[in-house]
Amino acid sequence: MSYGAKVSFLLAMALALGFIAYTLLGPGGGAKRAQLEAELDRIQEQNNRLREENRRLALQAKALQDSNDFIEKTIREELGLIRHDEMVLTMPPGAGGPDGGKAHTGAHAPVRQADNARSDGGDLDK
């Protein structure tokens, strides 16, 4: 191999190494790739959460179409409605129950009856 060929080969190798270094370390290099991979991971996680929410909502929509019991449960929970023969007991804070308070030792908690029920237990609808 002649001296000129060796110089040309070394110059080509230096240019190739310089191009590789610029590709990996330059403005569109490794840092940009890491940033894009982190964004991709975040978007994929968001897609997984939304896919699960869509699955849950589809099941809920199917249950609302098929089940009267589920419809009643949903109406009770979301609108706070009660049947004509039910009473709602409202407990003051700290009176026990799901809020983790202690047992109620004072006066009775207020009672709210359904609007279409009389205080003597008879229905107004009749």
C-alpha atoms as a PDB file:
ATOM      1  CA  MET A   1       0.000   0.000   0.000  1.00  0.00           C
ATOM      2  CA  SER A   2       1.446   3.325  -1.021  1.00  0.00           C
ATOM      3  CA  TYR A   3       1.850   6.304   1.231  1.00  0.00           C
ATOM      4  CA  GLY A   4      -0.997   8.192  -0.503  1.00  0.00           C
ATOM      5  CA  ALA A   5      -3.393   5.238  -0.033  1.00  0.00           C
ATOM      6  CA  LYS A   6      -2.523   5.038   3.660  1.00  0.00           C
ATOM      7  CA  VAL A   7      -3.179   8.764   4.115  1.00  0.00           C
ATOM      8  CA  SER A   8      -6.469   8.497   2.225  1.00  0.00           C
ATOM      9  CA  PHE A   9      -7.519   5.506   4.347  1.00  0.00           C
ATOM     10  CA  LEU A  10      -6.639   7.299   7.610  1.00  0.00           C
ATOM     11  CA  LEU A  11      -8.437  10.447   6.447  1.00  0.00           C
ATOM     12  CA  ALA A  12     -11.549   8.404   5.572  1.00  0.00           C
ATOM     13  CA  MET A  13     -11.431   6.660   8.965  1.00  0.00           C
ATOM     14  CA  ALA A  14     -11.059  10.006  10.766  1.00  0.00           C
ATOM     15  CA  LEU A  15     -14.021  11.423   8.859  1.00  0.00           C
ATOM     16  CA  ALA A  16     -16.099   8.316   9.646  1.00  0.00           C
ATOM     17  CA  LEU A  17     -15.230   8.504  13.354  1.00  0.00           C
ATOM     18  CA  GLY A  18     -15.980  12.228  13.363  1.00  0.00           C
ATOM     19  CA  PHE A  19     -19.360  11.599  11.739  1.00  0.00           C
ATOM     20  CA  ILE A  20     -20.182   8.854  14.260  1.00  0.00           C
ATOM     21  CA  ALA A  21     -19.186  11.084  17.191  1.00  0.00           C
ATOM     22  CA  TYR A  22     -21.257  13.975  15.826  1.00  0.00           C
ATOM     23  CA  THR A  23     -24.263  11.659  15.322  1.00  0.00           C
ATOM     24  CA  LEU A  24     -24.077  10.312  18.872  1.00  0.00           C
ATOM     25  CA  LEU A  25     -23.074  13.466  20.721  1.00  0.00           C
ATOM     26  CA  GLY A  26     -24.380  16.259  18.511  1.00  0.00           C
ATOM     27  CA  PRO A  27     -27.684  18.154  18.767  1.00  0.00           C
ATOM     28  CA  GLY A  28     -29.731  15.225  17.450  1.00  0.00           C
ATOM     29  CA  GLY A  29     -27.661  12.571  19.164  1.00  0.00           C
ATOM     30  CA  GLY A  30     -27.821  10.543  22.356  1.00  0.00           C
ATOM     31  CA  ALA A  31     -29.386  13.220  24.559  1.00  0.00           C
ATOM     32  CA  LYS A  32     -32.200  13.782  22.084  1.00  0.00           C
ATOM     33  CA  ARG A  33     -32.710  10.021  21.787  1.00  0.00           C
ATOM     34  CA  ALA A  34     -32.960   9.647  25.575  1.00  0.00           C
ATOM     35  CA  GLN A  35     -35.471  12.498  25.707  1.00  0.00           C
ATOM     36  CA  LEU A  36     -37.577  10.924  22.953  1.00  0.00           C
ATOM     37  CA  GLU A  37     -37.467   7.502  24.638  1.00  0.00           C
ATOM     38  CA  ALA A  38     -38.623   9.032  27.946  1.00  0.00           C
ATOM     39  CA  GLU A  39     -41.484  10.782  26.128  1.00  0.00           C
ATOM     40  CA  LEU A  40     -42.390   7.537  24.365  1.00  0.00           C
ATOM     41  CA  ASP A  41     -42.515   5.705  27.719  1.00  0.00           C
ATOM     42  CA  ARG A  42     -44.747   8.428  29.188  1.00  0.00           C
ATOM     43  CA  ILE A  43     -47.127   8.334  26.216  1.00  0.00           C
ATOM     44  CA  GLN A  44     -47.287   4.529  26.257  1.00  0.00           C
ATOM     45  CA  GLU A  45     -48.150   4.577  29.982  1.00  0.00           C
ATOM     46  CA  GLN A  46     -50.867   7.182  29.329  1.00  0.00           C
ATOM     47  CA  ASN A  47     -52.234   4.997  26.497  1.00  0.00           C
ATOM     48  CA  ASN A  48     -52.342   1.998  28.833  1.00  0.00           C
ATOM     49  CA  ARG A  49     -54.274   3.994  31.458  1.00  0.00           C
ATOM     50  CA  LEU A  50     -56.737   5.272  28.842  1.00  0.00           C
ATOM     51  CA  ARG A  51     -57.142   1.778  27.367  1.00  0.00           C
ATOM     52  CA  GLU A  52     -58.011   0.436  30.840  1.00  0.00           C
ATOM     53  CA  GLU A  53     -60.460   3.305  31.448  1.00  0.00           C
ATOM     54  CA  ASN A  54     -62.122   2.616  28.072  1.00  0.00           C
ATOM     55  CA  ARG A  55     -62.452  -1.072  28.971  1.00  0.00           C
ATOM     56  CA  ARG A  56     -64.004  -0.193  32.349  1.00  0.00           C
ATOM     57  CA  LEU A  57     -66.431   2.294  30.765  1.00  0.00           C
ATOM     58  CA  ALA A  58     -67.438  -0.230  28.099  1.00  0.00           C
ATOM     59  CA  LEU A  59     -68.248  -2.768  30.816  1.00  0.00           C
ATOM     60  CA  GLN A  60     -70.224  -0.134  32.704  1.00  0.00           C
ATOM     61  CA  ALA A  61     -72.171   0.820  29.557  1.00  0.00           C
ATOM     62  CA  LYS A  62     -72.965  -2.855  28.916  1.00  0.00           C
ATOM     63  CA  ALA A  63     -74.149  -3.286  32.518  1.00  0.00           C
ATOM     64  CA  LEU A  64     -76.341  -0.171  32.231  1.00  0.00           C
ATOM     65  CA  GLN A  65     -77.977  -1.654  29.141  1.00  0.00           C
ATOM     66  CA  ASP A  66     -78.535  -5.110  30.619  1.00  0.00           C
ATOM     67  CA  SER A  67     -79.014  -4.829  34.393  1.00  0.00           C
ATOM     68  CA  ASN A  68     -81.820  -2.998  36.166  1.00  0.00           C
ATOM     69  CA  ASP A  69     -80.035  -3.581  39.489  1.00  0.00           C
ATOM     70  CA  PHE A  70     -76.905  -1.859  38.172  1.00  0.00           C
ATOM     71  CA  ILE A  71     -79.000   1.027  36.828  1.00  0.00           C
ATOM     72  CA  GLU A  72     -80.627   1.460  40.267  1.00  0.00           C
ATOM     73  CA  LYS A  73     -77.243   1.282  42.026  1.00  0.00           C
ATOM     74  CA  THR A  74     -75.789   3.892  39.665  1.00  0.00           C
ATOM     75  CA  ILE A  75     -78.760   6.249  40.125  1.00  0.00           C
ATOM     76  CA  ARG A  76     -78.562   5.899  43.905  1.00  0.00           C
ATOM     77  CA  GLU A  77     -74.809   6.585  44.002  1.00  0.00           C
ATOM     78  CA  GLU A  78     -74.622   9.419  41.474  1.00  0.00           C
ATOM     79  CA  LEU A  79     -77.902  11.237  42.186  1.00  0.00           C
ATOM     80  CA  GLY A  80     -78.342  10.313  45.843  1.00  0.00           C
ATOM     81  CA  LEU A  81     -81.923   9.124  45.327  1.00  0.00           C
ATOM     82  CA  ILE A  82     -83.709   6.820  47.762  1.00  0.00           C
ATOM     83  CA  ARG A  83     -86.816   4.647  47.623  1.00  0.00           C
ATOM     84  CA  HIS A  84     -90.101   5.915  49.054  1.00  0.00           C
ATOM     85  CA  ASP A  85     -89.838   3.519  52.011  1.00  0.00           C
ATOM     86  CA  GLU A  86     -86.229   4.353  52.968  1.00  0.00           C
ATOM     87  CA  MET A  87     -84.696   6.871  55.345  1.00  0.00           C
ATOM     88  CA  VAL A  88     -81.278   8.480  55.103  1.00  0.00           C
ATOM     89  CA  LEU A  89     -79.395   8.895  58.353  1.00  0.00           C
ATOM     90  CA  THR A  90     -76.932  11.772  58.368  1.00  0.00           C
ATOM     91  CA  MET A  91     -74.190  11.359  60.948  1.00  0.00           C
ATOM     92  CA  PRO A  92     -72.256  14.360  62.228  1.00  0.00           C
ATOM     93  CA  PRO A  93     -68.464  14.238  61.745  1.00  0.00           C
ATOM     94  CA  GLY A  94     -66.732  12.050  64.300  1.00  0.00           C
ATOM     95  CA  ALA A  95     -69.887  10.045  64.979  1.00  0.00           C
ATOM     96  CA  GLY A  96     -68.445   6.797  63.693  1.00  0.00           C
ATOM     97  CA  GLY A  97     -68.937   5.082  60.417  1.00  0.00           C
ATOM     98  CA  PRO A  98     -66.677   5.179  57.373  1.00  0.00           C
ATOM     99  CA  ASP A  99     -64.904   8.379  58.405  1.00  0.00           C
ATOM    100  CA  GLY A 100     -63.144   6.482  61.181  1.00  0.00           C
ATOM    101  CA  GLY A 101     -64.585   8.561  64.038  1.00  0.00           C
ATOM    102  CA  LYS A 102     -65.520   7.228  67.428  1.00  0.00           C
ATOM    103  CA  ALA A 103     -68.969   5.883  68.360  1.00  0.00           C
ATOM    104  CA  HIS A 104     -71.650   8.578  68.667  1.00  0.00           C
ATOM    105  CA  THR A 105     -72.555   9.213  72.318  1.00  0.00           C
ATOM    106  CA  GLY A 106     -74.628  12.410  72.027  1.00  0.00           C
ATOM    107  CA  ALA A 107     -78.124  13.109  70.710  1.00  0.00           C
ATOM    108  CA  HIS A 108     -79.533  11.164  67.794  1.00  0.00           C
ATOM    109  CA  ALA A 109     -78.325  12.015  64.325  1.00  0.00           C
ATOM    110  CA  PRO A 110     -80.714  13.963  62.077  1.00  0.00           C
ATOM    111  CA  VAL A 111     -83.036  11.831  59.941  1.00  0.00           C
ATOM    112  CA  ARG A 112     -84.237  12.683  56.426  1.00  0.00           C
ATOM    113  CA  GLN A 113     -87.151  10.788  54.963  1.00  0.00           C
ATOM    114  CA  ALA A 114     -88.083  10.429  51.350  1.00  0.00           C
ATOM    115  CA  ASP A 115     -90.171  13.336  50.049  1.00  0.00           C
ATOM    116  CA  ASN A 116     -93.080  11.084  49.121  1.00  0.00           C
ATOM    117  CA  ALA A 117     -93.348   9.319  52.521  1.00  0.00           C
ATOM    118  CA  ARG A 118     -95.404  10.451  55.530  1.00  0.00           C
ATOM    119  CA  SER A 119     -93.984  10.555  59.031  1.00  0.00           C
ATOM    120  CA  ASP A 120     -96.433   7.845  60.185  1.00  0.00           C
ATOM    121  CA  GLY A 121     -94.916   5.377  57.683  1.00  0.00           C
ATOM    122  CA  GLY A 122     -97.713   5.539  55.098  1.00  0.00           C
ATOM    123  CA  ASP A 123     -97.015   6.440  51.498  1.00  0.00           C
ATOM    124  CA  LEU A 124     -98.311   9.679  50.061  1.00  0.00           C
ATOM    125  CA  ASP A 125     -98.617   7.938  46.696  1.00  0.00           C
ATOM    126  CA  LYS A 126    -101.566   5.851  47.918  1.00  0.00           C
END
